[in-house]
Amino acid sequence: LEQGLLELIGRAPSAEARERAGARAQAVAPGWSVVNRL
């Protein structure tokens, strides 16, 4: 969305998968804010 801010968009089969995707994104870019819209 802008420097330091990103979002995940899509579908997940479970809340665990959604949380795992958000955690994985945050681990790759720790200085960024992740908006998880799965």
PDB file of all heavy atoms in Angstrom:
ATOM      1  N   LEU A   1       0.824  -1.208   0.000  1.00  0.00           N
ATOM      2  CA  LEU A   1       0.000   0.000   0.000  1.00  0.00           C
ATOM      3  C   LEU A   1       0.861   1.262   0.000  1.00  0.00           C
ATOM      4  O   LEU A   1       0.543   2.246  -0.641  1.00  0.00           O
ATOM      5  CB  LEU A   1      -0.939  -0.010   1.207  1.00  0.00           C
ATOM      6  CG  LEU A   1      -1.887  -1.219   1.266  1.00  0.00           C
ATOM      7  CD1 LEU A   1      -2.674  -1.204   2.558  1.00  0.00           C
ATOM      8  CD2 LEU A   1      -2.802  -1.246   0.061  1.00  0.00           C
ATOM      9  N   GLU A   2       1.930   1.207   0.764  1.00  0.00           N
ATOM     10  CA  GLU A   2       2.913   2.286   0.826  1.00  0.00           C
ATOM     11  C   GLU A   2       4.141   1.717   1.517  1.00  0.00           C
ATOM     12  O   GLU A   2       4.127   0.586   1.976  1.00  0.00           O
ATOM     13  CB  GLU A   2       2.368   3.502   1.586  1.00  0.00           C
ATOM     14  CG  GLU A   2       2.005   3.208   3.025  1.00  0.00           C
ATOM     15  CD  GLU A   2       1.381   4.398   3.723  1.00  0.00           C
ATOM     16  OE1 GLU A   2       0.373   4.917   3.245  1.00  0.00           O
ATOM     17  OE2 GLU A   2       1.942   4.793   4.754  1.00  0.00           O
ATOM     18  N   GLN A   3       5.204   2.489   1.553  1.00  0.00           N
ATOM     19  CA  GLN A   3       6.426   2.009   2.194  1.00  0.00           C
ATOM     20  C   GLN A   3       6.137   1.649   3.640  1.00  0.00           C
ATOM     21  O   GLN A   3       5.660   2.476   4.399  1.00  0.00           O
ATOM     22  CB  GLN A   3       7.522   3.069   2.115  1.00  0.00           C
ATOM     23  CG  GLN A   3       8.854   2.625   2.652  1.00  0.00           C
ATOM     24  CD  GLN A   3       9.513   1.570   1.786  1.00  0.00           C
ATOM     25  OE1 GLN A   3       9.340   1.529   0.590  1.00  0.00           O
ATOM     26  NE2 GLN A   3      10.279   0.700   2.407  1.00  0.00           N
ATOM     27  N   GLY A   4       6.373   0.395   3.992  1.00  0.00           N
ATOM     28  CA  GLY A   4       6.176  -0.044   5.369  1.00  0.00           C
ATOM     29  C   GLY A   4       4.788  -0.579   5.666  1.00  0.00           C
ATOM     30  O   GLY A   4       4.507  -0.948   6.792  1.00  0.00           O
ATOM     31  N   LEU A   5       3.889  -0.619   4.665  1.00  0.00           N
ATOM     32  CA  LEU A   5       2.528  -1.097   4.875  1.00  0.00           C
ATOM     33  C   LEU A   5       2.109  -1.981   3.710  1.00  0.00           C
ATOM     34  O   LEU A   5       2.169  -1.571   2.556  1.00  0.00           O
ATOM     35  CB  LEU A   5       1.561   0.084   5.003  1.00  0.00           C
ATOM     36  CG  LEU A   5       0.082  -0.250   5.203  1.00  0.00           C
ATOM     37  CD1 LEU A   5      -0.124  -0.987   6.523  1.00  0.00           C
ATOM     38  CD2 LEU A   5      -0.746   1.014   5.160  1.00  0.00           C
ATOM     39  N   LEU A   6       1.691  -3.209   4.024  1.00  0.00           N
ATOM     40  CA  LEU A   6       1.234  -4.113   2.973  1.00  0.00           C
ATOM     41  C   LEU A   6       0.008  -4.866   3.449  1.00  0.00           C
ATOM     42  O   LEU A   6      -0.303  -4.885   4.635  1.00  0.00           O
ATOM     43  CB  LEU A   6       2.348  -5.081   2.563  1.00  0.00           C
ATOM     44  CG  LEU A   6       2.941  -5.985   3.635  1.00  0.00           C
ATOM     45  CD1 LEU A   6       2.224  -7.320   3.672  1.00  0.00           C
ATOM     46  CD2 LEU A   6       4.398  -6.196   3.341  1.00  0.00           C
ATOM     47  N   GLU A   7      -0.711  -5.477   2.487  1.00  0.00           N
ATOM     48  CA  GLU A   7      -1.889  -6.250   2.852  1.00  0.00           C
ATOM     49  C   GLU A   7      -1.899  -7.577   2.117  1.00  0.00           C
ATOM     50  O   GLU A   7      -1.361  -7.702   1.027  1.00  0.00           O
ATOM     51  CB  GLU A   7      -3.174  -5.471   2.580  1.00  0.00           C
ATOM     52  CG  GLU A   7      -3.513  -5.281   1.130  1.00  0.00           C
ATOM     53  CD  GLU A   7      -4.828  -4.536   0.916  1.00  0.00           C
ATOM     54  OE1 GLU A   7      -5.637  -4.434   1.855  1.00  0.00           O
ATOM     55  OE2 GLU A   7      -5.030  -4.061  -0.205  1.00  0.00           O
ATOM     56  N   LEU A   8      -2.507  -8.544   2.772  1.00  0.00           N
ATOM     57  CA  LEU A   8      -2.722  -9.864   2.189  1.00  0.00           C
ATOM     58  C   LEU A   8      -4.195  -9.946   1.831  1.00  0.00           C
ATOM     59  O   LEU A   8      -5.060  -9.677   2.681  1.00  0.00           O
ATOM     60  CB  LEU A   8      -2.370 -10.961   3.191  1.00  0.00           C
ATOM     61  CG  LEU A   8      -0.966 -10.938   3.784  1.00  0.00           C
ATOM     62  CD1 LEU A   8      -0.807 -12.075   4.783  1.00  0.00           C
ATOM     63  CD2 LEU A   8       0.079 -11.027   2.706  1.00  0.00           C
ATOM     64  N   ILE A   9      -4.495 -10.328   0.596  1.00  0.00           N
ATOM     65  CA  ILE A   9      -5.872 -10.424   0.121  1.00  0.00           C
ATOM     66  C   ILE A   9      -6.057 -11.827  -0.446  1.00  0.00           C
ATOM     67  O   ILE A   9      -5.204 -12.324  -1.173  1.00  0.00           O
ATOM     68  CB  ILE A   9      -6.155  -9.391  -0.983  1.00  0.00           C
ATOM     69  CG1 ILE A   9      -5.839  -7.983  -0.481  1.00  0.00           C
ATOM     70  CG2 ILE A   9      -7.592  -9.487  -1.464  1.00  0.00           C
ATOM     71  CD1 ILE A   9      -5.828  -6.949  -1.567  1.00  0.00           C
ATOM     72  N   GLY A  10      -7.179 -12.433  -0.127  1.00  0.00           N
ATOM     73  CA  GLY A  10      -7.471 -13.744  -0.692  1.00  0.00           C
ATOM     74  C   GLY A  10      -8.357 -14.561   0.217  1.00  0.00           C
ATOM     75  O   GLY A  10      -9.088 -14.029   1.053  1.00  0.00           O
ATOM     76  N   ARG A  11      -8.249 -15.876   0.057  1.00  0.00           N
ATOM     77  CA  ARG A  11      -9.087 -16.807   0.814  1.00  0.00           C
ATOM     78  C   ARG A  11      -8.203 -17.820   1.530  1.00  0.00           C
ATOM     79  O   ARG A  11      -7.142 -18.185   1.049  1.00  0.00           O
ATOM     80  CB  ARG A  11     -10.001 -17.548  -0.146  1.00  0.00           C
ATOM     81  CG  ARG A  11     -10.919 -16.629  -0.902  1.00  0.00           C
ATOM     82  CD  ARG A  11     -11.608 -17.336  -2.014  1.00  0.00           C
ATOM     83  NE  ARG A  11     -12.584 -18.264  -1.476  1.00  0.00           N
ATOM     84  CZ  ARG A  11     -13.518 -18.846  -2.185  1.00  0.00           C
ATOM     85  NH1 ARG A  11     -13.596 -18.620  -3.466  1.00  0.00           N
ATOM     86  NH2 ARG A  11     -14.374 -19.659  -1.630  1.00  0.00           N
ATOM     87  N   ALA A  12      -8.700 -18.277   2.654  1.00  0.00           N
ATOM     88  CA  ALA A  12      -8.000 -19.307   3.432  1.00  0.00           C
ATOM     89  C   ALA A  12      -9.030 -20.339   3.880  1.00  0.00           C
ATOM     90  O   ALA A  12     -10.169 -19.978   4.182  1.00  0.00           O
ATOM     91  CB  ALA A  12      -7.309 -18.688   4.636  1.00  0.00           C
ATOM     92  N   PRO A  13      -8.646 -21.620   3.928  1.00  0.00           N
ATOM     93  CA  PRO A  13      -9.597 -22.653   4.328  1.00  0.00           C
ATOM     94  C   PRO A  13      -9.902 -22.633   5.826  1.00  0.00           C
ATOM     95  O   PRO A  13     -10.912 -23.174   6.254  1.00  0.00           O
ATOM     96  CB  PRO A  13      -8.907 -23.949   3.925  1.00  0.00           C
ATOM     97  CG  PRO A  13      -7.457 -23.620   3.909  1.00  0.00           C
ATOM     98  CD  PRO A  13      -7.367 -22.178   3.517  1.00  0.00           C
ATOM     99  N   SER A  14      -9.039 -22.024   6.620  1.00  0.00           N
ATOM    100  CA  SER A  14      -9.253 -22.011   8.071  1.00  0.00           C
ATOM    101  C   SER A  14      -8.632 -20.752   8.675  1.00  0.00           C
ATOM    102  O   SER A  14      -7.786 -20.092   8.056  1.00  0.00           O
ATOM    103  CB  SER A  14      -8.601 -23.246   8.719  1.00  0.00           C
ATOM    104  OG  SER A  14      -7.197 -23.170   8.583  1.00  0.00           O
ATOM    105  N   ALA A  15      -9.073 -20.466   9.901  1.00  0.00           N
ATOM    106  CA  ALA A  15      -8.505 -19.316  10.613  1.00  0.00           C
ATOM    107  C   ALA A  15      -7.023 -19.547  10.901  1.00  0.00           C
ATOM    108  O   ALA A  15      -6.230 -18.609  10.884  1.00  0.00           O
ATOM    109  CB  ALA A  15      -9.276 -19.079  11.915  1.00  0.00           C
ATOM    110  N   GLU A  16      -6.635 -20.805  11.146  1.00  0.00           N
ATOM    111  CA  GLU A  16      -5.220 -21.121  11.394  1.00  0.00           C
ATOM    112  C   GLU A  16      -4.368 -20.804  10.170  1.00  0.00           C
ATOM    113  O   GLU A  16      -3.267 -20.266  10.299  1.00  0.00           O
ATOM    114  CB  GLU A  16      -5.048 -22.591  11.793  1.00  0.00           C
ATOM    115  CG  GLU A  16      -5.659 -22.958  13.127  1.00  0.00           C
ATOM    116  CD  GLU A  16      -7.166 -23.186  13.065  1.00  0.00           C
ATOM    117  OE1 GLU A  16      -7.711 -23.465  11.968  1.00  0.00           O
ATOM    118  OE2 GLU A  16      -7.807 -23.059  14.113  1.00  0.00           O
ATOM    119  N   ALA A  17      -4.874 -21.151   8.977  1.00  0.00           N
ATOM    120  CA  ALA A  17      -4.129 -20.871   7.743  1.00  0.00           C
ATOM    121  C   ALA A  17      -4.001 -19.361   7.539  1.00  0.00           C
ATOM    122  O   ALA A  17      -2.957 -18.872   7.110  1.00  0.00           O
ATOM    123  CB  ALA A  17      -4.808 -21.526   6.547  1.00  0.00           C
ATOM    124  N   ARG A  18      -5.084 -18.628   7.846  1.00  0.00           N
ATOM    125  CA  ARG A  18      -5.041 -17.168   7.716  1.00  0.00           C
ATOM    126  C   ARG A  18      -3.988 -16.601   8.661  1.00  0.00           C
ATOM    127  O   ARG A  18      -3.165 -15.769   8.276  1.00  0.00           O
ATOM    128  CB  ARG A  18      -6.406 -16.568   8.039  1.00  0.00           C
ATOM    129  CG  ARG A  18      -6.346 -15.037   8.069  1.00  0.00           C
ATOM    130  CD  ARG A  18      -7.650 -14.360   8.341  1.00  0.00           C
ATOM    131  NE  ARG A  18      -8.292 -14.851   9.548  1.00  0.00           N
ATOM    132  CZ  ARG A  18      -9.567 -14.655   9.820  1.00  0.00           C
ATOM    133  NH1 ARG A  18     -10.341 -14.036   8.961  1.00  0.00           N
ATOM    134  NH2 ARG A  18     -10.070 -15.098  10.947  1.00  0.00           N
ATOM    135  N   GLU A  19      -3.989 -17.044   9.922  1.00  0.00           N
ATOM    136  CA  GLU A  19      -3.023 -16.544  10.896  1.00  0.00           C
ATOM    137  C   GLU A  19      -1.599 -16.925  10.519  1.00  0.00           C
ATOM    138  O   GLU A  19      -0.671 -16.146  10.691  1.00  0.00           O
ATOM    139  CB  GLU A  19      -3.363 -17.058  12.294  1.00  0.00           C
ATOM    140  CG  GLU A  19      -4.686 -16.533  12.840  1.00  0.00           C
ATOM    141  CD  GLU A  19      -4.767 -15.021  12.820  1.00  0.00           C
ATOM    142  OE1 GLU A  19      -3.793 -14.353  13.223  1.00  0.00           O
ATOM    143  OE2 GLU A  19      -5.805 -14.497  12.389  1.00  0.00           O
ATOM    144  N   ARG A  20      -1.421 -18.136  10.011  1.00  0.00           N
ATOM    145  CA  ARG A  20      -0.091 -18.596   9.594  1.00  0.00           C
ATOM    146  C   ARG A  20       0.446 -17.722   8.461  1.00  0.00           C
ATOM    147  O   ARG A  20       1.612 -17.345   8.455  1.00  0.00           O
ATOM    148  CB  ARG A  20      -0.168 -20.064   9.163  1.00  0.00           C
ATOM    149  CG  ARG A  20       1.089 -20.641   8.608  1.00  0.00           C
ATOM    150  CD  ARG A  20       2.110 -20.864   9.671  1.00  0.00           C
ATOM    151  NE  ARG A  20       3.297 -21.455   9.065  1.00  0.00           N
ATOM    152  CZ  ARG A  20       4.278 -21.950   9.723  1.00  0.00           C
ATOM    153  NH1 ARG A  20       4.231 -21.971  11.030  1.00  0.00           N
ATOM    154  NH2 ARG A  20       5.316 -22.450   9.113  1.00  0.00           N
ATOM    155  N   ALA A  21      -0.410 -17.386   7.499  1.00  0.00           N
ATOM    156  CA  ALA A  21       0.012 -16.533   6.384  1.00  0.00           C
ATOM    157  C   ALA A  21       0.412 -15.142   6.895  1.00  0.00           C
ATOM    158  O   ALA A  21       1.437 -14.587   6.467  1.00  0.00           O
ATOM    159  CB  ALA A  21      -1.098 -16.419   5.353  1.00  0.00           C
ATOM    160  N   GLY A  22      -0.363 -14.582   7.808  1.00  0.00           N
ATOM    161  CA  GLY A  22      -0.023 -13.274   8.360  1.00  0.00           C
ATOM    162  C   GLY A  22       1.277 -13.296   9.141  1.00  0.00           C
ATOM    163  O   GLY A  22       2.111 -12.399   9.019  1.00  0.00           O
ATOM    164  N   ALA A  23       1.469 -14.359   9.926  1.00  0.00           N
ATOM    165  CA  ALA A  23       2.709 -14.486  10.706  1.00  0.00           C
ATOM    166  C   ALA A  23       3.910 -14.667   9.789  1.00  0.00           C
ATOM    167  O   ALA A  23       4.993 -14.126  10.039  1.00  0.00           O
ATOM    168  CB  ALA A  23       2.597 -15.657  11.674  1.00  0.00           C
ATOM    169  N   ARG A  24       3.719 -15.436   8.723  1.00  0.00           N
ATOM    170  CA  ARG A  24       4.823 -15.671   7.779  1.00  0.00           C
ATOM    171  C   ARG A  24       5.208 -14.367   7.082  1.00  0.00           C
ATOM    172  O   ARG A  24       6.387 -14.067   6.916  1.00  0.00           O
ATOM    173  CB  ARG A  24       4.380 -16.719   6.751  1.00  0.00           C
ATOM    174  CG  ARG A  24       5.479 -17.250   5.910  1.00  0.00           C
ATOM    175  CD  ARG A  24       6.292 -18.264   6.728  1.00  0.00           C
ATOM    176  NE  ARG A  24       7.288 -18.841   5.863  1.00  0.00           N
ATOM    177  CZ  ARG A  24       8.589 -18.773   6.101  1.00  0.00           C
ATOM    178  NH1 ARG A  24       9.025 -18.240   7.211  1.00  0.00           N
ATOM    179  NH2 ARG A  24       9.446 -19.282   5.272  1.00  0.00           N
ATOM    180  N   ALA A  25       4.204 -13.585   6.672  1.00  0.00           N
ATOM    181  CA  ALA A  25       4.477 -12.297   6.025  1.00  0.00           C
ATOM    182  C   ALA A  25       5.208 -11.365   6.986  1.00  0.00           C
ATOM    183  O   ALA A  25       6.166 -10.688   6.603  1.00  0.00           O
ATOM    184  CB  ALA A  25       3.172 -11.660   5.556  1.00  0.00           C
ATOM    185  N   GLN A  26       4.786 -11.349   8.248  1.00  0.00           N
ATOM    186  CA  GLN A  26       5.431 -10.482   9.234  1.00  0.00           C
ATOM    187  C   GLN A  26       6.861 -10.923   9.501  1.00  0.00           C
ATOM    188  O   GLN A  26       7.739 -10.099   9.705  1.00  0.00           O
ATOM    189  CB  GLN A  26       4.633 -10.476  10.533  1.00  0.00           C
ATOM    190  CG  GLN A  26       5.062  -9.403  11.498  1.00  0.00           C
ATOM    191  CD  GLN A  26       4.758  -8.010  10.976  1.00  0.00           C
ATOM    192  OE1 GLN A  26       3.612  -7.651  10.802  1.00  0.00           O
ATOM    193  NE2 GLN A  26       5.785  -7.225  10.737  1.00  0.00           N
ATOM    194  N   ALA A  27       7.112 -12.230   9.458  1.00  0.00           N
ATOM    195  CA  ALA A  27       8.471 -12.736   9.682  1.00  0.00           C
ATOM    196  C   ALA A  27       9.400 -12.347   8.544  1.00  0.00           C
ATOM    197  O   ALA A  27      10.584 -12.080   8.766  1.00  0.00           O
ATOM    198  CB  ALA A  27       8.439 -14.259   9.836  1.00  0.00           C
ATOM    199  N   VAL A  28       8.881 -12.303   7.332  1.00  0.00           N
ATOM    200  CA  VAL A  28       9.708 -11.938   6.173  1.00  0.00           C
ATOM    201  C   VAL A  28      10.001 -10.441   6.174  1.00  0.00           C
ATOM    202  O   VAL A  28      11.090 -10.024   5.798  1.00  0.00           O
ATOM    203  CB  VAL A  28       9.012 -12.367   4.858  1.00  0.00           C
ATOM    204  CG1 VAL A  28       9.745 -11.819   3.653  1.00  0.00           C
ATOM    205  CG2 VAL A  28       8.926 -13.880   4.781  1.00  0.00           C
ATOM    206  N   ALA A  29       9.046  -9.633   6.588  1.00  0.00           N
ATOM    207  CA  ALA A  29       9.211  -8.176   6.600  1.00  0.00           C
ATOM    208  C   ALA A  29       8.904  -7.634   7.988  1.00  0.00           C
ATOM    209  O   ALA A  29       7.857  -7.027   8.218  1.00  0.00           O
ATOM    210  CB  ALA A  29       8.287  -7.547   5.560  1.00  0.00           C
ATOM    211  N   PRO A  30       9.809  -7.838   8.963  1.00  0.00           N
ATOM    212  CA  PRO A  30       9.511  -7.461  10.348  1.00  0.00           C
ATOM    213  C   PRO A  30       9.316  -5.965  10.564  1.00  0.00           C
ATOM    214  O   PRO A  30       8.630  -5.569  11.488  1.00  0.00           O
ATOM    215  CB  PRO A  30      10.712  -7.985  11.133  1.00  0.00           C
ATOM    216  CG  PRO A  30      11.795  -8.151  10.138  1.00  0.00           C
ATOM    217  CD  PRO A  30      11.148  -8.410   8.824  1.00  0.00           C
ATOM    218  N   GLY A  31       9.877  -5.134   9.743  1.00  0.00           N
ATOM    219  CA  GLY A  31       9.717  -3.700   9.921  1.00  0.00           C
ATOM    220  C   GLY A  31       8.455  -3.157   9.275  1.00  0.00           C
ATOM    221  O   GLY A  31       8.182  -1.964   9.351  1.00  0.00           O
ATOM    222  N   TRP A  32       7.687  -4.009   8.638  1.00  0.00           N
ATOM    223  CA  TRP A  32       6.486  -3.588   7.909  1.00  0.00           C
ATOM    224  C   TRP A  32       5.240  -3.923   8.719  1.00  0.00           C
ATOM    225  O   TRP A  32       5.224  -4.866   9.495  1.00  0.00           O
ATOM    226  CB  TRP A  32       6.418  -4.309   6.566  1.00  0.00           C
ATOM    227  CG  TRP A  32       7.448  -3.842   5.588  1.00  0.00           C
ATOM    228  CD1 TRP A  32       8.799  -3.921   5.722  1.00  0.00           C
ATOM    229  CD2 TRP A  32       7.210  -3.230   4.327  1.00  0.00           C
ATOM    230  NE1 TRP A  32       9.416  -3.400   4.621  1.00  0.00           N
ATOM    231  CE2 TRP A  32       8.463  -2.973   3.749  1.00  0.00           C
ATOM    232  CE3 TRP A  32       6.066  -2.894   3.640  1.00  0.00           C
ATOM    233  CZ2 TRP A  32       8.593  -2.373   2.503  1.00  0.00           C
ATOM    234  CZ3 TRP A  32       6.193  -2.297   2.401  1.00  0.00           C
ATOM    235  CH2 TRP A  32       7.454  -2.031   1.846  1.00  0.00           C
ATOM    236  N   SER A  33       4.175  -3.172   8.489  1.00  0.00           N
ATOM    237  CA  SER A  33       2.873  -3.489   9.071  1.00  0.00           C
ATOM    238  C   SER A  33       2.107  -4.329   8.059  1.00  0.00           C
ATOM    239  O   SER A  33       2.041  -3.983   6.880  1.00  0.00           O
ATOM    240  CB  SER A  33       2.083  -2.210   9.358  1.00  0.00           C
ATOM    241  OG  SER A  33       2.752  -1.451  10.344  1.00  0.00           O
ATOM    242  N   VAL A  34       1.537  -5.437   8.526  1.00  0.00           N
ATOM    243  CA  VAL A  34       0.811  -6.351   7.647  1.00  0.00           C
ATOM    244  C   VAL A  34      -0.675  -6.280   7.990  1.00  0.00           C
ATOM    245  O   VAL A  34      -1.068  -6.515   9.128  1.00  0.00           O
ATOM    246  CB  VAL A  34       1.325  -7.803   7.810  1.00  0.00           C
ATOM    247  CG1 VAL A  34       0.514  -8.758   6.960  1.00  0.00           C
ATOM    248  CG2 VAL A  34       2.804  -7.884   7.472  1.00  0.00           C
ATOM    249  N   VAL A  35      -1.494  -5.949   6.993  1.00  0.00           N
ATOM    250  CA  VAL A  35      -2.945  -5.969   7.142  1.00  0.00           C
ATOM    251  C   VAL A  35      -3.408  -7.287   6.524  1.00  0.00           C
ATOM    252  O   VAL A  35      -3.309  -7.488   5.321  1.00  0.00           O
ATOM    253  CB  VAL A  35      -3.611  -4.768   6.436  1.00  0.00           C
ATOM    254  CG1 VAL A  35      -5.124  -4.847   6.560  1.00  0.00           C
ATOM    255  CG2 VAL A  35      -3.069  -3.463   6.990  1.00  0.00           C
ATOM    256  N   ASN A  36      -3.893  -8.193   7.359  1.00  0.00           N
ATOM    257  CA  ASN A  36      -4.291  -9.514   6.906  1.00  0.00           C
ATOM    258  C   ASN A  36      -5.784  -9.489   6.568  1.00  0.00           C
ATOM    259  O   ASN A  36      -6.627  -9.514   7.447  1.00  0.00           O
ATOM    260  CB  ASN A  36      -3.995 -10.556   7.985  1.00  0.00           C
ATOM    261  CG  ASN A  36      -4.155 -11.965   7.492  1.00  0.00           C
ATOM    262  OD1 ASN A  36      -4.796 -12.218   6.473  1.00  0.00           O
ATOM    263  ND2 ASN A  36      -3.575 -12.904   8.211  1.00  0.00           N
ATOM    264  N   ARG A  37      -6.087  -9.439   5.264  1.00  0.00           N
ATOM    265  CA  ARG A  37      -7.479  -9.401   4.811  1.00  0.00           C
ATOM    266  C   ARG A  37      -7.875 -10.726   4.172  1.00  0.00           C
ATOM    267  O   ARG A  37      -8.749 -10.752   3.303  1.00  0.00           O
ATOM    268  CB  ARG A  37      -7.666  -8.253   3.825  1.00  0.00           C
ATOM    269  CG  ARG A  37      -7.535  -6.894   4.510  1.00  0.00           C
ATOM    270  CD  ARG A  37      -7.875  -5.730   3.631  1.00  0.00           C
ATOM    271  NE  ARG A  37      -9.107  -5.944   2.902  1.00  0.00           N
ATOM    272  CZ  ARG A  37      -9.369  -5.394   1.724  1.00  0.00           C
ATOM    273  NH1 ARG A  37      -8.489  -4.616   1.148  1.00  0.00           N
ATOM    274  NH2 ARG A  37     -10.503  -5.623   1.119  1.00  0.00           N
ATOM    275  N   LEU A  38      -7.242 -11.815   4.578  1.00  0.00           N
ATOM    276  CA  LEU A  38      -7.634 -13.125   4.061  1.00  0.00           C
ATOM    277  C   LEU A  38      -8.978 -13.499   4.673  1.00  0.00           C
ATOM    278  O   LEU A  38      -9.184 -13.373   5.874  1.00  0.00           O
ATOM    279  CB  LEU A  38      -6.578 -14.177   4.413  1.00  0.00           C
ATOM    280  CG  LEU A  38      -5.203 -13.986   3.771  1.00  0.00           C
ATOM    281  CD1 LEU A  38      -4.263 -15.089   4.232  1.00  0.00           C
ATOM    282  CD2 LEU A  38      -5.305 -13.959   2.266  1.00  0.00           C
TER     283      LEU A  38
END
